[in-house]
Amino acid sequence: MASRDTRQEFEDIVERLTADYPSLARTGMPPWPRPVLITVLITGAVVWGFLSVAMVAWGLWGVALTCATVLATAAALTVRTHRWRAGR
């Protein structure tokens, strides 16, 4: 019971502070759910490991593949962020 009171009190304090200081309000994208985040991190680690091996094994082709993958990922994240901000 005490934890609920503490949580509510905390929420009230945060609400008053963000009303007084709007720059403190969270304006970023909402966080991903934990299972999605874990899946993305594991997939990213496996892909990065493959690309690291590809750069050594395939030489210039592996470097080109890695650069293309990094650029495509950056572009996808940029588009996602832009669409999210446009939807606000």
PDB file of N, CA and C in Angstrom:
ATOM      1  N   MET A   1       0.812  -1.184   0.000  1.00  0.00           N
ATOM      2  CA  MET A   1       0.000   0.000   0.000  1.00  0.00           C
ATOM      3  C   MET A   1       0.862   1.258   0.000  1.00  0.00           C
ATOM      4  N   ALA A   2       1.942   1.217   0.766  1.00  0.00           N
ATOM      5  CA  ALA A   2       2.814   2.383   0.858  1.00  0.00           C
ATOM      6  C   ALA A   2       3.508   2.658  -0.479  1.00  0.00           C
ATOM      7  N   SER A   3       3.795   1.604  -1.247  1.00  0.00           N
ATOM      8  CA  SER A   3       4.465   1.822  -2.523  1.00  0.00           C
ATOM      9  C   SER A   3       3.555   2.547  -3.511  1.00  0.00           C
ATOM     10  N   ARG A   4       2.259   2.293  -3.452  1.00  0.00           N
ATOM     11  CA  ARG A   4       1.326   2.999  -4.326  1.00  0.00           C
ATOM     12  C   ARG A   4       1.257   4.471  -3.958  1.00  0.00           C
ATOM     13  N   ASP A   5       1.258   4.762  -2.663  1.00  0.00           N
ATOM     14  CA  ASP A   5       1.245   6.158  -2.228  1.00  0.00           C
ATOM     15  C   ASP A   5       2.517   6.861  -2.669  1.00  0.00           C
ATOM     16  N   THR A   6       3.630   6.182  -2.537  1.00  0.00           N
ATOM     17  CA  THR A   6       4.911   6.758  -2.938  1.00  0.00           C
ATOM     18  C   THR A   6       4.939   6.999  -4.443  1.00  0.00           C
ATOM     19  N   ARG A   7       4.430   6.050  -5.201  1.00  0.00           N
ATOM     20  CA  ARG A   7       4.400   6.185  -6.665  1.00  0.00           C
ATOM     21  C   ARG A   7       3.506   7.353  -7.072  1.00  0.00           C
ATOM     22  N   GLN A   8       2.348   7.475  -6.447  1.00  0.00           N
ATOM     23  CA  GLN A   8       1.439   8.571  -6.767  1.00  0.00           C
ATOM     24  C   GLN A   8       2.068   9.912  -6.399  1.00  0.00           C
ATOM     25  N   GLU A   9       2.725   9.947  -5.255  1.00  0.00           N
ATOM     26  CA  GLU A   9       3.401  11.178  -4.840  1.00  0.00           C
ATOM     27  C   GLU A   9       4.493  11.552  -5.846  1.00  0.00           C
ATOM     28  N   PHE A  10       5.234  10.551  -6.296  1.00  0.00           N
ATOM     29  CA  PHE A  10       6.276  10.786  -7.297  1.00  0.00           C
ATOM     30  C   PHE A  10       5.667  11.338  -8.581  1.00  0.00           C
ATOM     31  N   GLU A  11       4.585  10.731  -9.045  1.00  0.00           N
ATOM     32  CA  GLU A  11       3.919  11.198 -10.267  1.00  0.00           C
ATOM     33  C   GLU A  11       3.432  12.640 -10.108  1.00  0.00           C
ATOM     34  N   ASP A  12       2.920  12.979  -8.950  1.00  0.00           N
ATOM     35  CA  ASP A  12       2.472  14.356  -8.698  1.00  0.00           C
ATOM     36  C   ASP A  12       3.642  15.336  -8.761  1.00  0.00           C
ATOM     37  N   ILE A  13       4.765  14.959  -8.180  1.00  0.00           N
ATOM     38  CA  ILE A  13       5.938  15.827  -8.195  1.00  0.00           C
ATOM     39  C   ILE A  13       6.432  16.026  -9.623  1.00  0.00           C
ATOM     40  N   VAL A  14       6.502  14.941 -10.389  1.00  0.00           N
ATOM     41  CA  VAL A  14       6.946  15.033 -11.778  1.00  0.00           C
ATOM     42  C   VAL A  14       5.993  15.904 -12.584  1.00  0.00           C
ATOM     43  N   GLU A  15       4.702  15.755 -12.353  1.00  0.00           N
ATOM     44  CA  GLU A  15       3.706  16.550 -13.074  1.00  0.00           C
ATOM     45  C   GLU A  15       3.872  18.039 -12.777  1.00  0.00           C
ATOM     46  N   ARG A  16       4.081  18.370 -11.498  1.00  0.00           N
ATOM     47  CA  ARG A  16       4.275  19.784 -11.138  1.00  0.00           C
ATOM     48  C   ARG A  16       5.568  20.336 -11.732  1.00  0.00           C
ATOM     49  N   LEU A  17       6.624  19.538 -11.703  1.00  0.00           N
ATOM     50  CA  LEU A  17       7.892  20.019 -12.254  1.00  0.00           C
ATOM     51  C   LEU A  17       7.813  20.237 -13.765  1.00  0.00           C
ATOM     52  N   THR A  18       7.183  19.309 -14.477  1.00  0.00           N
ATOM     53  CA  THR A  18       7.075  19.482 -15.926  1.00  0.00           C
ATOM     54  C   THR A  18       6.136  20.613 -16.294  1.00  0.00           C
ATOM     55  N   ALA A  19       5.167  20.919 -15.410  1.00  0.00           N
ATOM     56  CA  ALA A  19       4.307  22.077 -15.658  1.00  0.00           C
ATOM     57  C   ALA A  19       5.095  23.373 -15.469  1.00  0.00           C
ATOM     58  N   ASP A  20       5.962  23.397 -14.460  1.00  0.00           N
ATOM     59  CA  ASP A  20       6.767  24.590 -14.196  1.00  0.00           C
ATOM     60  C   ASP A  20       7.931  24.732 -15.174  1.00  0.00           C
ATOM     61  N   TYR A  21       8.516  23.599 -15.561  1.00  0.00           N
ATOM     62  CA  TYR A  21       9.678  23.591 -16.455  1.00  0.00           C
ATOM     63  C   TYR A  21       9.409  22.634 -17.617  1.00  0.00           C
ATOM     64  N   PRO A  22       8.797  23.131 -18.697  1.00  0.00           N
ATOM     65  CA  PRO A  22       8.434  22.255 -19.820  1.00  0.00           C
ATOM     66  C   PRO A  22       9.630  21.546 -20.461  1.00  0.00           C
ATOM     67  N   SER A  23      10.819  22.094 -20.321  1.00  0.00           N
ATOM     68  CA  SER A  23      11.980  21.445 -20.935  1.00  0.00           C
ATOM     69  C   SER A  23      12.314  20.113 -20.264  1.00  0.00           C
ATOM     70  N   LEU A  24      11.771  19.864 -19.070  1.00  0.00           N
ATOM     71  CA  LEU A  24      12.005  18.596 -18.384  1.00  0.00           C
ATOM     72  C   LEU A  24      11.104  17.475 -18.897  1.00  0.00           C
ATOM     73  N   ALA A  25      10.073  17.830 -19.637  1.00  0.00           N
ATOM     74  CA  ALA A  25       9.124  16.820 -20.125  1.00  0.00           C
ATOM     75  C   ALA A  25       9.813  15.901 -21.116  1.00  0.00           C
ATOM     76  N   ARG A  26       9.483  14.637 -21.055  1.00  0.00           N
ATOM     77  CA  ARG A  26      10.051  13.654 -21.967  1.00  0.00           C
ATOM     78  C   ARG A  26       9.446  13.868 -23.339  1.00  0.00           C
ATOM     79  N   THR A  27      10.283  14.171 -24.315  1.00  0.00           N
ATOM     80  CA  THR A  27       9.798  14.426 -25.666  1.00  0.00           C
ATOM     81  C   THR A  27      10.305  13.402 -26.662  1.00  0.00           C
ATOM     82  N   GLY A  28      11.109  12.461 -26.206  1.00  0.00           N
ATOM     83  CA  GLY A  28      11.668  11.459 -27.108  1.00  0.00           C
ATOM     84  C   GLY A  28      10.647  10.410 -27.487  1.00  0.00           C
ATOM     85  N   MET A  29      11.101   9.492 -28.297  1.00  0.00           N
ATOM     86  CA  MET A  29      10.243   8.396 -28.718  1.00  0.00           C
ATOM     87  C   MET A  29       9.999   7.477 -27.529  1.00  0.00           C
ATOM     88  N   PRO A  30       8.844   6.857 -27.481  1.00  0.00           N
ATOM     89  CA  PRO A  30       8.584   5.924 -26.377  1.00  0.00           C
ATOM     90  C   PRO A  30       9.529   4.724 -26.462  1.00  0.00           C
ATOM     91  N   PRO A  31       9.932   4.182 -25.334  1.00  0.00           N
ATOM     92  CA  PRO A  31      10.853   3.037 -25.363  1.00  0.00           C
ATOM     93  C   PRO A  31      10.167   1.790 -25.911  1.00  0.00           C
ATOM     94  N   TRP A  32      10.978   0.921 -26.507  1.00  0.00           N
ATOM     95  CA  TRP A  32      10.453  -0.334 -27.018  1.00  0.00           C
ATOM     96  C   TRP A  32      10.148  -1.269 -25.861  1.00  0.00           C
ATOM     97  N   PRO A  33       9.169  -2.142 -26.020  1.00  0.00           N
ATOM     98  CA  PRO A  33       8.937  -3.160 -24.988  1.00  0.00           C
ATOM     99  C   PRO A  33      10.181  -4.050 -24.845  1.00  0.00           C
ATOM    100  N   ARG A  34      10.396  -4.574 -23.655  1.00  0.00           N
ATOM    101  CA  ARG A  34      11.610  -5.344 -23.363  1.00  0.00           C
ATOM    102  C   ARG A  34      11.834  -6.518 -24.327  1.00  0.00           C
ATOM    103  N   PRO A  35      10.821  -7.347 -24.643  1.00  0.00           N
ATOM    104  CA  PRO A  35      11.081  -8.464 -25.573  1.00  0.00           C
ATOM    105  C   PRO A  35      11.521  -7.979 -26.962  1.00  0.00           C
ATOM    106  N   VAL A  36      10.942  -6.891 -27.426  1.00  0.00           N
ATOM    107  CA  VAL A  36      11.324  -6.347 -28.734  1.00  0.00           C
ATOM    108  C   VAL A  36      12.755  -5.834 -28.676  1.00  0.00           C
ATOM    109  N   LEU A  37      13.097  -5.116 -27.618  1.00  0.00           N
ATOM    110  CA  LEU A  37      14.443  -4.586 -27.462  1.00  0.00           C
ATOM    111  C   LEU A  37      15.477  -5.710 -27.422  1.00  0.00           C
ATOM    112  N   ILE A  38      15.203  -6.772 -26.672  1.00  0.00           N
ATOM    113  CA  ILE A  38      16.129  -7.899 -26.580  1.00  0.00           C
ATOM    114  C   ILE A  38      16.301  -8.566 -27.943  1.00  0.00           C
ATOM    115  N   THR A  39      15.203  -8.742 -28.662  1.00  0.00           N
ATOM    116  CA  THR A  39      15.270  -9.359 -29.989  1.00  0.00           C
ATOM    117  C   THR A  39      16.091  -8.504 -30.954  1.00  0.00           C
ATOM    118  N   VAL A  40      15.861  -7.212 -30.931  1.00  0.00           N
ATOM    119  CA  VAL A  40      16.602  -6.307 -31.819  1.00  0.00           C
ATOM    120  C   VAL A  40      18.089  -6.312 -31.470  1.00  0.00           C
ATOM    121  N   LEU A  41      18.416  -6.291 -30.190  1.00  0.00           N
ATOM    122  CA  LEU A  41      19.820  -6.284 -29.780  1.00  0.00           C
ATOM    123  C   LEU A  41      20.534  -7.579 -30.169  1.00  0.00           C
ATOM    124  N   ILE A  42      19.886  -8.711 -29.965  1.00  0.00           N
ATOM    125  CA  ILE A  42      20.502  -9.991 -30.336  1.00  0.00           C
ATOM    126  C   ILE A  42      20.674 -10.092 -31.847  1.00  0.00           C
ATOM    127  N   THR A  43      19.654  -9.699 -32.596  1.00  0.00           N
ATOM    128  CA  THR A  43      19.748  -9.730 -34.054  1.00  0.00           C
ATOM    129  C   THR A  43      20.852  -8.799 -34.543  1.00  0.00           C
ATOM    130  N   GLY A  44      20.918  -7.618 -33.961  1.00  0.00           N
ATOM    131  CA  GLY A  44      21.969  -6.679 -34.341  1.00  0.00           C
ATOM    132  C   GLY A  44      23.362  -7.207 -34.046  1.00  0.00           C
ATOM    133  N   ALA A  45      23.521  -7.878 -32.913  1.00  0.00           N
ATOM    134  CA  ALA A  45      24.824  -8.439 -32.560  1.00  0.00           C
ATOM    135  C   ALA A  45      25.228  -9.548 -33.525  1.00  0.00           C
ATOM    136  N   VAL A  46      24.281 -10.393 -33.899  1.00  0.00           N
ATOM    137  CA  VAL A  46      24.578 -11.476 -34.838  1.00  0.00           C
ATOM    138  C   VAL A  46      24.933 -10.905 -36.218  1.00  0.00           C
ATOM    139  N   VAL A  47      24.161  -9.922 -36.666  1.00  0.00           N
ATOM    140  CA  VAL A  47      24.441  -9.301 -37.969  1.00  0.00           C
ATOM    141  C   VAL A  47      25.801  -8.609 -37.942  1.00  0.00           C
ATOM    142  N   TRP A  48      26.103  -7.885 -36.853  1.00  0.00           N
ATOM    143  CA  TRP A  48      27.390  -7.202 -36.761  1.00  0.00           C
ATOM    144  C   TRP A  48      28.541  -8.217 -36.754  1.00  0.00           C
ATOM    145  N   GLY A  49      28.359  -9.327 -36.073  1.00  0.00           N
ATOM    146  CA  GLY A  49      29.379 -10.377 -36.092  1.00  0.00           C
ATOM    147  C   GLY A  49      29.593 -10.923 -37.495  1.00  0.00           C
ATOM    148  N   PHE A  50      28.504 -11.168 -38.205  1.00  0.00           N
ATOM    149  CA  PHE A  50      28.611 -11.639 -39.595  1.00  0.00           C
ATOM    150  C   PHE A  50      29.331 -10.616 -40.459  1.00  0.00           C
ATOM    151  N   LEU A  51      28.984  -9.342 -40.294  1.00  0.00           N
ATOM    152  CA  LEU A  51      29.627  -8.303 -41.103  1.00  0.00           C
ATOM    153  C   LEU A  51      31.109  -8.167 -40.768  1.00  0.00           C
ATOM    154  N   SER A  52      31.470  -8.351 -39.519  1.00  0.00           N
ATOM    155  CA  SER A  52      32.880  -8.299 -39.125  1.00  0.00           C
ATOM    156  C   SER A  52      33.669  -9.422 -39.792  1.00  0.00           C
ATOM    157  N   VAL A  53      33.093 -10.604 -39.803  1.00  0.00           N
ATOM    158  CA  VAL A  53      33.746 -11.737 -40.467  1.00  0.00           C
ATOM    159  C   VAL A  53      33.785 -11.499 -41.979  1.00  0.00           C
ATOM    160  N   ALA A  54      32.720 -10.951 -42.532  1.00  0.00           N
ATOM    161  CA  ALA A  54      32.657 -10.698 -43.977  1.00  0.00           C
ATOM    162  C   ALA A  54      33.729  -9.693 -44.401  1.00  0.00           C
ATOM    163  N   MET A  55      33.997  -8.684 -43.573  1.00  0.00           N
ATOM    164  CA  MET A  55      35.025  -7.704 -43.935  1.00  0.00           C
ATOM    165  C   MET A  55      36.400  -8.354 -44.031  1.00  0.00           C
ATOM    166  N   VAL A  56      36.662  -9.316 -43.160  1.00  0.00           N
ATOM    167  CA  VAL A  56      37.961  -9.991 -43.182  1.00  0.00           C
ATOM    168  C   VAL A  56      38.000 -11.024 -44.307  1.00  0.00           C
ATOM    169  N   ALA A  57      36.946 -11.826 -44.430  1.00  0.00           N
ATOM    170  CA  ALA A  57      36.943 -12.933 -45.385  1.00  0.00           C
ATOM    171  C   ALA A  57      36.795 -12.454 -46.831  1.00  0.00           C
ATOM    172  N   TRP A  58      35.963 -11.443 -47.061  1.00  0.00           N
ATOM    173  CA  TRP A  58      35.671 -11.023 -48.429  1.00  0.00           C
ATOM    174  C   TRP A  58      36.398  -9.758 -48.850  1.00  0.00           C
ATOM    175  N   GLY A  59      37.151  -9.172 -47.950  1.00  0.00           N
ATOM    176  CA  GLY A  59      37.931  -7.987 -48.301  1.00  0.00           C
ATOM    177  C   GLY A  59      37.055  -6.794 -48.639  1.00  0.00           C
ATOM    178  N   LEU A  60      37.310  -6.226 -49.821  1.00  0.00           N
ATOM    179  CA  LEU A  60      36.615  -5.009 -50.232  1.00  0.00           C
ATOM    180  C   LEU A  60      35.102  -5.218 -50.340  1.00  0.00           C
ATOM    181  N   TRP A  61      34.683  -6.396 -50.803  1.00  0.00           N
ATOM    182  CA  TRP A  61      33.245  -6.676 -50.900  1.00  0.00           C
ATOM    183  C   TRP A  61      32.596  -6.705 -49.515  1.00  0.00           C
ATOM    184  N   GLY A  62      33.287  -7.249 -48.547  1.00  0.00           N
ATOM    185  CA  GLY A  62      32.766  -7.269 -47.188  1.00  0.00           C
ATOM    186  C   GLY A  62      32.657  -5.875 -46.587  1.00  0.00           C
ATOM    187  N   VAL A  63      33.665  -5.039 -46.873  1.00  0.00           N
ATOM    188  CA  VAL A  63      33.618  -3.651 -46.399  1.00  0.00           C
ATOM    189  C   VAL A  63      32.455  -2.915 -47.060  1.00  0.00           C
ATOM    190  N   ALA A  64      32.272  -3.126 -48.352  1.00  0.00           N
ATOM    191  CA  ALA A  64      31.158  -2.481 -49.064  1.00  0.00           C
ATOM    192  C   ALA A  64      29.816  -2.947 -48.502  1.00  0.00           C
ATOM    193  N   LEU A  65      29.694  -4.243 -48.222  1.00  0.00           N
ATOM    194  CA  LEU A  65      28.461  -4.778 -47.642  1.00  0.00           C
ATOM    195  C   LEU A  65      28.199  -4.167 -46.267  1.00  0.00           C
ATOM    196  N   THR A  66      29.251  -4.050 -45.456  1.00  0.00           N
ATOM    197  CA  THR A  66      29.104  -3.461 -44.122  1.00  0.00           C
ATOM    198  C   THR A  66      28.682  -2.005 -44.219  1.00  0.00           C
ATOM    199  N   CYS A  67      29.321  -1.246 -45.094  1.00  0.00           N
ATOM    200  CA  CYS A  67      28.956   0.168 -45.265  1.00  0.00           C
ATOM    201  C   CYS A  67      27.510   0.309 -45.738  1.00  0.00           C
ATOM    202  N   ALA A  68      27.103  -0.528 -46.687  1.00  0.00           N
ATOM    203  CA  ALA A  68      25.727  -0.469 -47.187  1.00  0.00           C
ATOM    204  C   ALA A  68      24.730  -0.818 -46.084  1.00  0.00           C
ATOM    205  N   THR A  69      25.058  -1.804 -45.264  1.00  0.00           N
ATOM    206  CA  THR A  69      24.171  -2.207 -44.173  1.00  0.00           C
ATOM    207  C   THR A  69      24.048  -1.104 -43.132  1.00  0.00           C
ATOM    208  N   VAL A  70      25.166  -0.490 -42.781  1.00  0.00           N
ATOM    209  CA  VAL A  70      25.144   0.593 -41.794  1.00  0.00           C
ATOM    210  C   VAL A  70      24.356   1.786 -42.333  1.00  0.00           C
ATOM    211  N   LEU A  71      24.562   2.148 -43.588  1.00  0.00           N
ATOM    212  CA  LEU A  71      23.821   3.265 -44.181  1.00  0.00           C
ATOM    213  C   LEU A  71      22.319   2.972 -44.272  1.00  0.00           C
ATOM    214  N   ALA A  72      21.966   1.749 -44.632  1.00  0.00           N
ATOM    215  CA  ALA A  72      20.547   1.384 -44.712  1.00  0.00           C
ATOM    216  C   ALA A  72      19.894   1.424 -43.332  1.00  0.00           C
ATOM    217  N   THR A  73      20.616   0.955 -42.314  1.00  0.00           N
ATOM    218  CA  THR A  73      20.077   0.984 -40.950  1.00  0.00           C
ATOM    219  C   THR A  73      19.900   2.423 -40.479  1.00  0.00           C
ATOM    220  N   ALA A  74      20.893   3.267 -40.727  1.00  0.00           N
ATOM    221  CA  ALA A  74      20.799   4.671 -40.335  1.00  0.00           C
ATOM    222  C   ALA A  74      19.640   5.362 -41.056  1.00  0.00           C
ATOM    223  N   ALA A  75      19.465   5.058 -42.339  1.00  0.00           N
ATOM    224  CA  ALA A  75      18.358   5.653 -43.098  1.00  0.00           C
ATOM    225  C   ALA A  75      17.010   5.185 -42.551  1.00  0.00           C
ATOM    226  N   ALA A  76      16.905   3.898 -42.227  1.00  0.00           N
ATOM    227  CA  ALA A  76      15.644   3.382 -41.690  1.00  0.00           C
ATOM    228  C   ALA A  76      15.312   4.018 -40.349  1.00  0.00           C
ATOM    229  N   LEU A  77      16.308   4.177 -39.488  1.00  0.00           N
ATOM    230  CA  LEU A  77      16.068   4.816 -38.187  1.00  0.00           C
ATOM    231  C   LEU A  77      15.722   6.299 -38.348  1.00  0.00           C
ATOM    232  N   THR A  78      16.341   6.962 -39.309  1.00  0.00           N
ATOM    233  CA  THR A  78      16.032   8.365 -39.564  1.00  0.00           C
ATOM    234  C   THR A  78      14.600   8.524 -40.055  1.00  0.00           C
ATOM    235  N   VAL A  79      14.186   7.662 -40.973  1.00  0.00           N
ATOM    236  CA  VAL A  79      12.805   7.712 -41.484  1.00  0.00           C
ATOM    237  C   VAL A  79      11.819   7.415 -40.363  1.00  0.00           C
ATOM    238  N   ARG A  80      12.132   6.425 -39.523  1.00  0.00           N
ATOM    239  CA  ARG A  80      11.249   6.079 -38.402  1.00  0.00           C
ATOM    240  C   ARG A  80      11.088   7.267 -37.459  1.00  0.00           C
ATOM    241  N   THR A  81      12.189   7.924 -37.131  1.00  0.00           N
ATOM    242  CA  THR A  81      12.143   9.078 -36.237  1.00  0.00           C
ATOM    243  C   THR A  81      11.368  10.223 -36.885  1.00  0.00           C
ATOM    244  N   HIS A  82      11.606  10.457 -38.161  1.00  0.00           N
ATOM    245  CA  HIS A  82      10.901  11.543 -38.859  1.00  0.00           C
ATOM    246  C   HIS A  82       9.401  11.295 -38.889  1.00  0.00           C
ATOM    247  N   ARG A  83       9.005  10.060 -39.185  1.00  0.00           N
ATOM    248  CA  ARG A  83       7.565   9.738 -39.204  1.00  0.00           C
ATOM    249  C   ARG A  83       6.945   9.864 -37.838  1.00  0.00           C
ATOM    250  N   TRP A  84       7.686   9.461 -36.794  1.00  0.00           N
ATOM    251  CA  TRP A  84       7.162   9.558 -35.442  1.00  0.00           C
ATOM    252  C   TRP A  84       6.963  11.011 -35.046  1.00  0.00           C
ATOM    253  N   ARG A  85       7.940  11.858 -35.365  1.00  0.00           N
ATOM    254  CA  ARG A  85       7.822  13.277 -35.021  1.00  0.00           C
ATOM    255  C   ARG A  85       6.738  13.975 -35.821  1.00  0.00           C
ATOM    256  N   ALA A  86       6.527  13.550 -37.056  1.00  0.00           N
ATOM    257  CA  ALA A  86       5.479  14.151 -37.878  1.00  0.00           C
ATOM    258  C   ALA A  86       4.099  13.763 -37.360  1.00  0.00           C
ATOM    259  N   GLY A  87       4.002  12.604 -36.722  1.00  0.00           N
ATOM    260  CA  GLY A  87       2.721  12.137 -36.207  1.00  0.00           C
ATOM    261  C   GLY A  87       2.323  12.752 -34.891  1.00  0.00           C
ATOM    262  N   ARG A  88       3.233  13.508 -34.256  1.00  0.00           N
ATOM    263  CA  ARG A  88       2.914  14.100 -32.956  1.00  0.00           C
ATOM    264  C   ARG A  88       1.971  15.247 -33.082  1.00  0.00           C
TER     265      ARG A  88
END
